[in-house]
Amino acid sequence: ADELSYDVSCRAEKLFQHLQRCNSTYRLVILCSCEREH
């Protein structure tokens, strides 16, 4: 997920924040490279 473009990442975070309010029982794992942790 660290390879997503900045625009896609921003939109993904906003959508996640919106959708996760509706569901507290989701199971999501996001794997990223430690070399791109920033």
PDB file of all heavy atoms in Angstrom:
ATOM      1  N   ALA A   1       0.822  -1.211   0.000  1.00  0.00           N
ATOM      2  CA  ALA A   1       0.000   0.000   0.000  1.00  0.00           C
ATOM      3  C   ALA A   1       0.858   1.264   0.000  1.00  0.00           C
ATOM      4  O   ALA A   1       0.377   2.324  -0.396  1.00  0.00           O
ATOM      5  CB  ALA A   1      -0.940  -0.004   1.205  1.00  0.00           C
ATOM      6  N   ASP A   2       2.097   1.158   0.405  1.00  0.00           N
ATOM      7  CA  ASP A   2       3.004   2.302   0.396  1.00  0.00           C
ATOM      8  C   ASP A   2       3.351   2.749  -1.024  1.00  0.00           C
ATOM      9  O   ASP A   2       3.876   3.835  -1.225  1.00  0.00           O
ATOM     10  CB  ASP A   2       4.281   1.987   1.170  1.00  0.00           C
ATOM     11  CG  ASP A   2       4.949   0.705   0.707  1.00  0.00           C
ATOM     12  OD1 ASP A   2       4.268  -0.343   0.715  1.00  0.00           O
ATOM     13  OD2 ASP A   2       6.128   0.737   0.331  1.00  0.00           O
ATOM     14  N   GLU A   3       3.045   1.949  -2.020  1.00  0.00           N
ATOM     15  CA  GLU A   3       3.345   2.302  -3.405  1.00  0.00           C
ATOM     16  C   GLU A   3       2.212   3.074  -4.082  1.00  0.00           C
ATOM     17  O   GLU A   3       2.365   3.516  -5.221  1.00  0.00           O
ATOM     18  CB  GLU A   3       3.681   1.051  -4.211  1.00  0.00           C
ATOM     19  CG  GLU A   3       4.983   0.417  -3.768  1.00  0.00           C
ATOM     20  CD  GLU A   3       5.532  -0.559  -4.776  1.00  0.00           C
ATOM     21  OE1 GLU A   3       5.071  -0.553  -5.940  1.00  0.00           O
ATOM     22  OE2 GLU A   3       6.431  -1.319  -4.403  1.00  0.00           O
ATOM     23  N   LEU A   4       1.087   3.236  -3.414  1.00  0.00           N
ATOM     24  CA  LEU A   4      -0.011   3.996  -3.997  1.00  0.00           C
ATOM     25  C   LEU A   4       0.409   5.448  -4.191  1.00  0.00           C
ATOM     26  O   LEU A   4       1.182   5.986  -3.398  1.00  0.00           O
ATOM     27  CB  LEU A   4      -1.246   3.941  -3.088  1.00  0.00           C
ATOM     28  CG  LEU A   4      -1.918   2.581  -2.920  1.00  0.00           C
ATOM     29  CD1 LEU A   4      -2.997   2.662  -1.857  1.00  0.00           C
ATOM     30  CD2 LEU A   4      -2.482   2.089  -4.238  1.00  0.00           C
ATOM     31  N   SER A   5      -0.121   6.089  -5.216  1.00  0.00           N
ATOM     32  CA  SER A   5       0.197   7.501  -5.438  1.00  0.00           C
ATOM     33  C   SER A   5      -0.383   8.327  -4.286  1.00  0.00           C
ATOM     34  O   SER A   5      -1.268   7.876  -3.555  1.00  0.00           O
ATOM     35  CB  SER A   5      -0.383   7.974  -6.768  1.00  0.00           C
ATOM     36  OG  SER A   5      -1.801   8.032  -6.684  1.00  0.00           O
ATOM     37  N   TYR A   6       0.108   9.540  -4.154  1.00  0.00           N
ATOM     38  CA  TYR A   6      -0.344  10.417  -3.072  1.00  0.00           C
ATOM     39  C   TYR A   6      -1.849  10.671  -3.166  1.00  0.00           C
ATOM     40  O   TYR A   6      -2.568  10.576  -2.181  1.00  0.00           O
ATOM     41  CB  TYR A   6       0.429  11.740  -3.115  1.00  0.00           C
ATOM     42  CG  TYR A   6       0.021  12.695  -2.017  1.00  0.00           C
ATOM     43  CD1 TYR A   6       0.533  12.544  -0.728  1.00  0.00           C
ATOM     44  CD2 TYR A   6      -0.884  13.713  -2.258  1.00  0.00           C
ATOM     45  CE1 TYR A   6       0.152  13.405   0.291  1.00  0.00           C
ATOM     46  CE2 TYR A   6      -1.265  14.579  -1.248  1.00  0.00           C
ATOM     47  CZ  TYR A   6      -0.746  14.425   0.023  1.00  0.00           C
ATOM     48  OH  TYR A   6      -1.121  15.269   1.035  1.00  0.00           O
ATOM     49  N   ASP A   7      -2.332  10.971  -4.363  1.00  0.00           N
ATOM     50  CA  ASP A   7      -3.757  11.253  -4.557  1.00  0.00           C
ATOM     51  C   ASP A   7      -4.619  10.043  -4.198  1.00  0.00           C
ATOM     52  O   ASP A   7      -5.614  10.160  -3.479  1.00  0.00           O
ATOM     53  CB  ASP A   7      -4.014  11.678  -6.007  1.00  0.00           C
ATOM     54  CG  ASP A   7      -5.474  11.972  -6.263  1.00  0.00           C
ATOM     55  OD1 ASP A   7      -6.052  12.790  -5.516  1.00  0.00           O
ATOM     56  OD2 ASP A   7      -6.048  11.383  -7.208  1.00  0.00           O
ATOM     57  N   VAL A   8      -4.230   8.873  -4.677  1.00  0.00           N
ATOM     58  CA  VAL A   8      -4.981   7.649  -4.382  1.00  0.00           C
ATOM     59  C   VAL A   8      -4.942   7.358  -2.883  1.00  0.00           C
ATOM     60  O   VAL A   8      -5.945   6.984  -2.282  1.00  0.00           O
ATOM     61  CB  VAL A   8      -4.443   6.460  -5.200  1.00  0.00           C
ATOM     62  CG1 VAL A   8      -5.064   5.148  -4.753  1.00  0.00           C
ATOM     63  CG2 VAL A   8      -4.694   6.689  -6.692  1.00  0.00           C
ATOM     64  N   SER A   9      -3.794   7.559  -2.263  1.00  0.00           N
ATOM     65  CA  SER A   9      -3.659   7.322  -0.827  1.00  0.00           C
ATOM     66  C   SER A   9      -4.568   8.235  -0.019  1.00  0.00           C
ATOM     67  O   SER A   9      -5.224   7.796   0.929  1.00  0.00           O
ATOM     68  CB  SER A   9      -2.205   7.529  -0.390  1.00  0.00           C
ATOM     69  OG  SER A   9      -1.355   6.597  -0.996  1.00  0.00           O
ATOM     70  N   CYS A  10      -4.609   9.516  -0.390  1.00  0.00           N
ATOM     71  CA  CYS A  10      -5.486  10.471   0.317  1.00  0.00           C
ATOM     72  C   CYS A  10      -6.946  10.064   0.199  1.00  0.00           C
ATOM     73  O   CYS A  10      -7.682  10.056   1.193  1.00  0.00           O
ATOM     74  CB  CYS A  10      -5.308  11.882  -0.254  1.00  0.00           C
ATOM     75  SG  CYS A  10      -3.752  12.656   0.123  1.00  0.00           S
ATOM     76  N   ARG A  11      -7.351   9.722  -1.004  1.00  0.00           N
ATOM     77  CA  ARG A  11      -8.739   9.315  -1.220  1.00  0.00           C
ATOM     78  C   ARG A  11      -9.057   8.023  -0.475  1.00  0.00           C
ATOM     79  O   ARG A  11     -10.148   7.863   0.080  1.00  0.00           O
ATOM     80  CB  ARG A  11      -9.021   9.188  -2.712  1.00  0.00           C
ATOM     81  CG  ARG A  11      -8.990  10.556  -3.399  1.00  0.00           C
ATOM     82  CD  ARG A  11      -9.105  10.472  -4.881  1.00  0.00           C
ATOM     83  NE  ARG A  11     -10.397   9.945  -5.315  1.00  0.00           N
ATOM     84  CZ  ARG A  11     -10.705   9.736  -6.584  1.00  0.00           C
ATOM     85  NH1 ARG A  11      -9.836  10.019  -7.541  1.00  0.00           N
ATOM     86  NH2 ARG A  11     -11.883   9.246  -6.909  1.00  0.00           N
ATOM     87  N   ALA A  12      -8.100   7.104  -0.440  1.00  0.00           N
ATOM     88  CA  ALA A  12      -8.299   5.840   0.272  1.00  0.00           C
ATOM     89  C   ALA A  12      -8.469   6.081   1.770  1.00  0.00           C
ATOM     90  O   ALA A  12      -9.347   5.484   2.408  1.00  0.00           O
ATOM     91  CB  ALA A  12      -7.130   4.896   0.019  1.00  0.00           C
ATOM     92  N   GLU A  13      -7.648   6.953   2.334  1.00  0.00           N
ATOM     93  CA  GLU A  13      -7.771   7.233   3.763  1.00  0.00           C
ATOM     94  C   GLU A  13      -9.127   7.861   4.086  1.00  0.00           C
ATOM     95  O   GLU A  13      -9.781   7.482   5.055  1.00  0.00           O
ATOM     96  CB  GLU A  13      -6.655   8.152   4.244  1.00  0.00           C
ATOM     97  CG  GLU A  13      -6.761   8.405   5.744  1.00  0.00           C
ATOM     98  CD  GLU A  13      -5.978   9.600   6.229  1.00  0.00           C
ATOM     99  OE1 GLU A  13      -5.520  10.404   5.416  1.00  0.00           O
ATOM    100  OE2 GLU A  13      -5.837   9.721   7.464  1.00  0.00           O
ATOM    101  N   LYS A  14      -9.559   8.823   3.272  1.00  0.00           N
ATOM    102  CA  LYS A  14     -10.855   9.467   3.503  1.00  0.00           C
ATOM    103  C   LYS A  14     -11.991   8.458   3.418  1.00  0.00           C
ATOM    104  O   LYS A  14     -12.900   8.458   4.260  1.00  0.00           O
ATOM    105  CB  LYS A  14     -11.077  10.604   2.510  1.00  0.00           C
ATOM    106  CG  LYS A  14     -10.220  11.807   2.790  1.00  0.00           C
ATOM    107  CD  LYS A  14     -10.419  12.888   1.755  1.00  0.00           C
ATOM    108  CE  LYS A  14      -9.419  14.013   1.988  1.00  0.00           C
ATOM    109  NZ  LYS A  14      -9.429  14.989   0.911  1.00  0.00           N
ATOM    110  N   LEU A  15     -11.949   7.590   2.413  1.00  0.00           N
ATOM    111  CA  LEU A  15     -12.988   6.572   2.279  1.00  0.00           C
ATOM    112  C   LEU A  15     -12.955   5.615   3.460  1.00  0.00           C
ATOM    113  O   LEU A  15     -13.997   5.252   4.009  1.00  0.00           O
ATOM    114  CB  LEU A  15     -12.824   5.815   0.965  1.00  0.00           C
ATOM    115  CG  LEU A  15     -13.859   4.722   0.704  1.00  0.00           C
ATOM    116  CD1 LEU A  15     -15.273   5.317   0.654  1.00  0.00           C
ATOM    117  CD2 LEU A  15     -13.534   3.979  -0.577  1.00  0.00           C
ATOM    118  N   PHE A  16     -11.764   5.207   3.876  1.00  0.00           N
ATOM    119  CA  PHE A  16     -11.640   4.326   5.030  1.00  0.00           C
ATOM    120  C   PHE A  16     -12.257   4.963   6.270  1.00  0.00           C
ATOM    121  O   PHE A  16     -13.042   4.327   6.977  1.00  0.00           O
ATOM    122  CB  PHE A  16     -10.169   3.988   5.291  1.00  0.00           C
ATOM    123  CG  PHE A  16      -9.976   3.189   6.545  1.00  0.00           C
ATOM    124  CD1 PHE A  16     -10.132   1.816   6.543  1.00  0.00           C
ATOM    125  CD2 PHE A  16      -9.645   3.815   7.749  1.00  0.00           C
ATOM    126  CE1 PHE A  16      -9.974   1.079   7.707  1.00  0.00           C
ATOM    127  CE2 PHE A  16      -9.487   3.086   8.911  1.00  0.00           C
ATOM    128  CZ  PHE A  16      -9.648   1.714   8.889  1.00  0.00           C
ATOM    129  N   GLN A  17     -11.927   6.223   6.536  1.00  0.00           N
ATOM    130  CA  GLN A  17     -12.461   6.914   7.716  1.00  0.00           C
ATOM    131  C   GLN A  17     -13.982   6.971   7.654  1.00  0.00           C
ATOM    132  O   GLN A  17     -14.652   6.790   8.672  1.00  0.00           O
ATOM    133  CB  GLN A  17     -11.879   8.334   7.811  1.00  0.00           C
ATOM    134  CG  GLN A  17     -10.384   8.395   7.999  1.00  0.00           C
ATOM    135  CD  GLN A  17      -9.897   7.742   9.285  1.00  0.00           C
ATOM    136  OE1 GLN A  17     -10.641   7.549  10.230  1.00  0.00           O
ATOM    137  NE2 GLN A  17      -8.621   7.379   9.316  1.00  0.00           N
ATOM    138  N   HIS A  18     -14.523   7.197   6.469  1.00  0.00           N
ATOM    139  CA  HIS A  18     -15.975   7.272   6.310  1.00  0.00           C
ATOM    140  C   HIS A  18     -16.634   5.901   6.519  1.00  0.00           C
ATOM    141  O   HIS A  18     -17.608   5.786   7.259  1.00  0.00           O
ATOM    142  CB  HIS A  18     -16.316   7.819   4.925  1.00  0.00           C
ATOM    143  CG  HIS A  18     -17.768   7.790   4.606  1.00  0.00           C
ATOM    144  ND1 HIS A  18     -18.675   8.650   5.186  1.00  0.00           N
ATOM    145  CD2 HIS A  18     -18.483   6.987   3.782  1.00  0.00           C
ATOM    146  CE1 HIS A  18     -19.881   8.378   4.732  1.00  0.00           C
ATOM    147  NE2 HIS A  18     -19.793   7.373   3.881  1.00  0.00           N
ATOM    148  N   LEU A  19     -16.089   4.866   5.884  1.00  0.00           N
ATOM    149  CA  LEU A  19     -16.710   3.540   5.929  1.00  0.00           C
ATOM    150  C   LEU A  19     -16.528   2.837   7.266  1.00  0.00           C
ATOM    151  O   LEU A  19     -17.406   2.082   7.689  1.00  0.00           O
ATOM    152  CB  LEU A  19     -16.156   2.652   4.809  1.00  0.00           C
ATOM    153  CG  LEU A  19     -16.514   3.041   3.388  1.00  0.00           C
ATOM    154  CD1 LEU A  19     -15.790   2.140   2.403  1.00  0.00           C
ATOM    155  CD2 LEU A  19     -18.020   2.972   3.178  1.00  0.00           C
ATOM    156  N   GLN A  20     -15.413   3.057   7.933  1.00  0.00           N
ATOM    157  CA  GLN A  20     -15.161   2.319   9.175  1.00  0.00           C
ATOM    158  C   GLN A  20     -16.085   2.759  10.301  1.00  0.00           C
ATOM    159  O   GLN A  20     -16.243   2.050  11.278  1.00  0.00           O
ATOM    160  CB  GLN A  20     -13.694   2.397   9.575  1.00  0.00           C
ATOM    161  CG  GLN A  20     -13.215   3.749   9.966  1.00  0.00           C
ATOM    162  CD  GLN A  20     -12.822   3.795  11.430  1.00  0.00           C
ATOM    163  OE1 GLN A  20     -12.630   2.780  12.062  1.00  0.00           O
ATOM    164  NE2 GLN A  20     -12.723   4.984  11.956  1.00  0.00           N
ATOM    165  N   ARG A  21     -16.730   3.925  10.159  1.00  0.00           N
ATOM    166  CA  ARG A  21     -17.730   4.333  11.161  1.00  0.00           C
ATOM    167  C   ARG A  21     -18.949   3.424  11.127  1.00  0.00           C
ATOM    168  O   ARG A  21     -19.638   3.269  12.117  1.00  0.00           O
ATOM    169  CB  ARG A  21     -18.171   5.770  10.895  1.00  0.00           C
ATOM    170  CG  ARG A  21     -17.121   6.777  11.252  1.00  0.00           C
ATOM    171  CD  ARG A  21     -17.656   8.183  11.104  1.00  0.00           C
ATOM    172  NE  ARG A  21     -16.597   8.990  10.527  1.00  0.00           N
ATOM    173  CZ  ARG A  21     -16.733   9.812   9.505  1.00  0.00           C
ATOM    174  NH1 ARG A  21     -17.896   9.997   8.955  1.00  0.00           N
ATOM    175  NH2 ARG A  21     -15.702  10.471   9.056  1.00  0.00           N
ATOM    176  N   CYS A  22     -19.211   2.814   9.964  1.00  0.00           N
ATOM    177  CA  CYS A  22     -20.385   1.945   9.792  1.00  0.00           C
ATOM    178  C   CYS A  22     -20.131   0.516  10.250  1.00  0.00           C
ATOM    179  O   CYS A  22     -21.063  -0.253  10.412  1.00  0.00           O
ATOM    180  CB  CYS A  22     -20.792   1.910   8.321  1.00  0.00           C
ATOM    181  SG  CYS A  22     -21.082   3.514   7.608  1.00  0.00           S
ATOM    182  N   ASN A  23     -18.878   0.147  10.416  1.00  0.00           N
ATOM    183  CA  ASN A  23     -18.555  -1.247  10.698  1.00  0.00           C
ATOM    184  C   ASN A  23     -17.340  -1.316  11.624  1.00  0.00           C
ATOM    185  O   ASN A  23     -16.257  -0.889  11.264  1.00  0.00           O
ATOM    186  CB  ASN A  23     -18.257  -1.980   9.387  1.00  0.00           C
ATOM    187  CG  ASN A  23     -17.961  -3.444   9.588  1.00  0.00           C
ATOM    188  OD1 ASN A  23     -18.119  -3.985  10.669  1.00  0.00           O
ATOM    189  ND2 ASN A  23     -17.528  -4.090   8.527  1.00  0.00           N
ATOM    190  N   SER A  24     -17.524  -1.882  12.781  1.00  0.00           N
ATOM    191  CA  SER A  24     -16.404  -1.995  13.721  1.00  0.00           C
ATOM    192  C   SER A  24     -15.840  -3.418  13.766  1.00  0.00           C
ATOM    193  O   SER A  24     -14.960  -3.704  14.560  1.00  0.00           O
ATOM    194  CB  SER A  24     -16.860  -1.577  15.124  1.00  0.00           C
ATOM    195  OG  SER A  24     -17.880  -2.439  15.568  1.00  0.00           O
ATOM    196  N   THR A  25     -16.340  -4.301  12.903  1.00  0.00           N
ATOM    197  CA  THR A  25     -15.895  -5.698  12.950  1.00  0.00           C
ATOM    198  C   THR A  25     -15.107  -6.120  11.707  1.00  0.00           C
ATOM    199  O   THR A  25     -14.980  -7.293  11.446  1.00  0.00           O
ATOM    200  CB  THR A  25     -17.100  -6.639  13.112  1.00  0.00           C
ATOM    201  OG1 THR A  25     -17.963  -6.469  11.988  1.00  0.00           O
ATOM    202  CG2 THR A  25     -17.840  -6.367  14.400  1.00  0.00           C
ATOM    203  N   TYR A  26     -14.600  -5.177  10.948  1.00  0.00           N
ATOM    204  CA  TYR A  26     -13.837  -5.512   9.749  1.00  0.00           C
ATOM    205  C   TYR A  26     -12.503  -6.138  10.130  1.00  0.00           C
ATOM    206  O   TYR A  26     -12.017  -5.985  11.233  1.00  0.00           O
ATOM    207  CB  TYR A  26     -13.619  -4.265   8.878  1.00  0.00           C
ATOM    208  CG  TYR A  26     -12.831  -3.185   9.567  1.00  0.00           C
ATOM    209  CD1 TYR A  26     -11.450  -3.151   9.487  1.00  0.00           C
ATOM    210  CD2 TYR A  26     -13.467  -2.201  10.313  1.00  0.00           C
ATOM    211  CE1 TYR A  26     -10.717  -2.165  10.130  1.00  0.00           C
ATOM    212  CE2 TYR A  26     -12.752  -1.214  10.951  1.00  0.00           C
ATOM    213  CZ  TYR A  26     -11.381  -1.203  10.855  1.00  0.00           C
ATOM    214  OH  TYR A  26     -10.661  -0.232  11.494  1.00  0.00           O
ATOM    215  N   ARG A  27     -11.906  -6.845   9.160  1.00  0.00           N
ATOM    216  CA  ARG A  27     -10.592  -7.458   9.347  1.00  0.00           C
ATOM    217  C   ARG A  27      -9.736  -7.055   8.161  1.00  0.00           C
ATOM    218  O   ARG A  27      -9.890  -7.585   7.072  1.00  0.00           O
ATOM    219  CB  ARG A  27     -10.739  -8.970   9.441  1.00  0.00           C
ATOM    220  CG  ARG A  27     -11.592  -9.369  10.653  1.00  0.00           C
ATOM    221  CD  ARG A  27     -11.915 -10.818  10.656  1.00  0.00           C
ATOM    222  NE  ARG A  27     -10.780 -11.561  11.178  1.00  0.00           N
ATOM    223  CZ  ARG A  27     -10.738 -12.873  11.254  1.00  0.00           C
ATOM    224  NH1 ARG A  27     -11.745 -13.593  10.838  1.00  0.00           N
ATOM    225  NH2 ARG A  27      -9.678 -13.478  11.748  1.00  0.00           N
ATOM    226  N   LEU A  28      -8.849  -6.098   8.384  1.00  0.00           N
ATOM    227  CA  LEU A  28      -8.025  -5.536   7.317  1.00  0.00           C
ATOM    228  C   LEU A  28      -6.568  -5.514   7.752  1.00  0.00           C
ATOM    229  O   LEU A  28      -6.242  -5.051   8.839  1.00  0.00           O
ATOM    230  CB  LEU A  28      -8.490  -4.109   6.986  1.00  0.00           C
ATOM    231  CG  LEU A  28      -7.650  -3.317   5.987  1.00  0.00           C
ATOM    232  CD1 LEU A  28      -7.664  -3.976   4.611  1.00  0.00           C
ATOM    233  CD2 LEU A  28      -8.170  -1.888   5.905  1.00  0.00           C
ATOM    234  N   VAL A  29      -5.709  -6.009   6.862  1.00  0.00           N
ATOM    235  CA  VAL A  29      -4.268  -5.973   7.079  1.00  0.00           C
ATOM    236  C   VAL A  29      -3.673  -5.169   5.933  1.00  0.00           C
ATOM    237  O   VAL A  29      -3.962  -5.428   4.763  1.00  0.00           O
ATOM    238  CB  VAL A  29      -3.662  -7.395   7.088  1.00  0.00           C
ATOM    239  CG1 VAL A  29      -2.150  -7.342   7.209  1.00  0.00           C
ATOM    240  CG2 VAL A  29      -4.267  -8.225   8.194  1.00  0.00           C
ATOM    241  N   ILE A  30      -2.864  -4.162   6.271  1.00  0.00           N
ATOM    242  CA  ILE A  30      -2.190  -3.350   5.265  1.00  0.00           C
ATOM    243  C   ILE A  30      -0.694  -3.609   5.409  1.00  0.00           C
ATOM    244  O   ILE A  30      -0.112  -3.311   6.449  1.00  0.00           O
ATOM    245  CB  ILE A  30      -2.502  -1.852   5.453  1.00  0.00           C
ATOM    246  CG1 ILE A  30      -4.012  -1.608   5.364  1.00  0.00           C
ATOM    247  CG2 ILE A  30      -1.752  -1.023   4.417  1.00  0.00           C
ATOM    248  CD1 ILE A  30      -4.420  -0.180   5.679  1.00  0.00           C
ATOM    249  N   LEU A  31      -0.098  -4.174   4.367  1.00  0.00           N
ATOM    250  CA  LEU A  31       1.325  -4.487   4.397  1.00  0.00           C
ATOM    251  C   LEU A  31       2.096  -3.460   3.590  1.00  0.00           C
ATOM    252  O   LEU A  31       1.748  -3.147   2.456  1.00  0.00           O
ATOM    253  CB  LEU A  31       1.584  -5.877   3.818  1.00  0.00           C
ATOM    254  CG  LEU A  31       0.943  -7.036   4.582  1.00  0.00           C
ATOM    255  CD1 LEU A  31       1.142  -8.329   3.845  1.00  0.00           C
ATOM    256  CD2 LEU A  31       1.513  -7.125   5.974  1.00  0.00           C
ATOM    257  N   CYS A  32       3.148  -2.932   4.195  1.00  0.00           N
ATOM    258  CA  CYS A  32       3.990  -1.918   3.566  1.00  0.00           C
ATOM    259  C   CYS A  32       5.452  -2.267   3.805  1.00  0.00           C
ATOM    260  O   CYS A  32       5.784  -2.951   4.762  1.00  0.00           O
ATOM    261  CB  CYS A  32       3.706  -0.537   4.161  1.00  0.00           C
ATOM    262  SG  CYS A  32       2.007   0.015   3.960  1.00  0.00           S
ATOM    263  N   SER A  33       6.295  -1.746   2.945  1.00  0.00           N
ATOM    264  CA  SER A  33       7.729  -1.934   3.103  1.00  0.00           C
ATOM    265  C   SER A  33       8.241  -1.009   4.198  1.00  0.00           C
ATOM    266  O   SER A  33       7.881   0.171   4.248  1.00  0.00           O
ATOM    267  CB  SER A  33       8.439  -1.623   1.783  1.00  0.00           C
ATOM    268  OG  SER A  33       9.830  -1.584   1.989  1.00  0.00           O
ATOM    269  N   CYS A  34       9.111  -1.521   5.042  1.00  0.00           N
ATOM    270  CA  CYS A  34       9.693  -0.681   6.091  1.00  0.00           C
ATOM    271  C   CYS A  34      10.589   0.396   5.486  1.00  0.00           C
ATOM    272  O   CYS A  34      10.854   1.408   6.120  1.00  0.00           O
ATOM    273  CB  CYS A  34      10.446  -1.521   7.112  1.00  0.00           C
ATOM    274  SG  CYS A  34      11.848  -2.415   6.461  1.00  0.00           S
ATOM    275  N   GLU A  35      11.038   0.200   4.255  1.00  0.00           N
ATOM    276  CA  GLU A  35      11.873   1.193   3.588  1.00  0.00           C
ATOM    277  C   GLU A  35      11.070   2.414   3.145  1.00  0.00           C
ATOM    278  O   GLU A  35      11.632   3.448   2.841  1.00  0.00           O
ATOM    279  CB  GLU A  35      12.569   0.559   2.383  1.00  0.00           C
ATOM    280  CG  GLU A  35      13.545  -0.529   2.794  1.00  0.00           C
ATOM    281  CD  GLU A  35      14.054  -1.320   1.616  1.00  0.00           C
ATOM    282  OE1 GLU A  35      13.680  -1.020   0.455  1.00  0.00           O
ATOM    283  OE2 GLU A  35      14.840  -2.255   1.848  1.00  0.00           O
ATOM    284  N   ARG A  36       9.739   2.277   3.084  1.00  0.00           N
ATOM    285  CA  ARG A  36       8.883   3.387   2.659  1.00  0.00           C
ATOM    286  C   ARG A  36       7.879   3.735   3.753  1.00  0.00           C
ATOM    287  O   ARG A  36       6.756   4.132   3.483  1.00  0.00           O
ATOM    288  CB  ARG A  36       8.159   3.022   1.363  1.00  0.00           C
ATOM    289  CG  ARG A  36       9.104   2.847   0.192  1.00  0.00           C
ATOM    290  CD  ARG A  36       8.377   2.446  -1.078  1.00  0.00           C
ATOM    291  NE  ARG A  36       7.160   3.201  -1.309  1.00  0.00           N
ATOM    292  CZ  ARG A  36       7.053   4.280  -2.067  1.00  0.00           C
ATOM    293  NH1 ARG A  36       8.120   4.753  -2.668  1.00  0.00           N
ATOM    294  NH2 ARG A  36       5.902   4.889  -2.241  1.00  0.00           N
ATOM    295  N   GLU A  37       8.297   3.613   5.004  1.00  0.00           N
ATOM    296  CA  GLU A  37       7.384   3.835   6.121  1.00  0.00           C
ATOM    297  C   GLU A  37       6.934   5.281   6.271  1.00  0.00           C
ATOM    298  O   GLU A  37       6.002   5.557   7.016  1.00  0.00           O
ATOM    299  CB  GLU A  37       7.993   3.334   7.422  1.00  0.00           C
ATOM    300  CG  GLU A  37       9.206   4.109   7.881  1.00  0.00           C
ATOM    301  CD  GLU A  37       9.777   3.553   9.164  1.00  0.00           C
ATOM    302  OE1 GLU A  37       9.016   3.056   9.998  1.00  0.00           O
ATOM    303  OE2 GLU A  37      11.002   3.612   9.321  1.00  0.00           O
ATOM    304  N   HIS A  38       7.566   6.203   5.555  1.00  0.00           N
ATOM    305  CA  HIS A  38       7.168   7.606   5.650  1.00  0.00           C
ATOM    306  C   HIS A  38       6.276   8.037   4.499  1.00  0.00           C
ATOM    307  O   HIS A  38       5.963   9.217   4.368  1.00  0.00           O
ATOM    308  CB  HIS A  38       8.404   8.505   5.743  1.00  0.00           C
ATOM    309  CG  HIS A  38       9.217   8.221   6.962  1.00  0.00           C
ATOM    310  ND1 HIS A  38       8.753   8.457   8.237  1.00  0.00           N
ATOM    311  CD2 HIS A  38      10.441   7.669   7.107  1.00  0.00           C
ATOM    312  CE1 HIS A  38       9.672   8.083   9.112  1.00  0.00           C
ATOM    313  NE2 HIS A  38      10.701   7.591   8.459  1.00  0.00           N
TER     314      HIS A  38
END
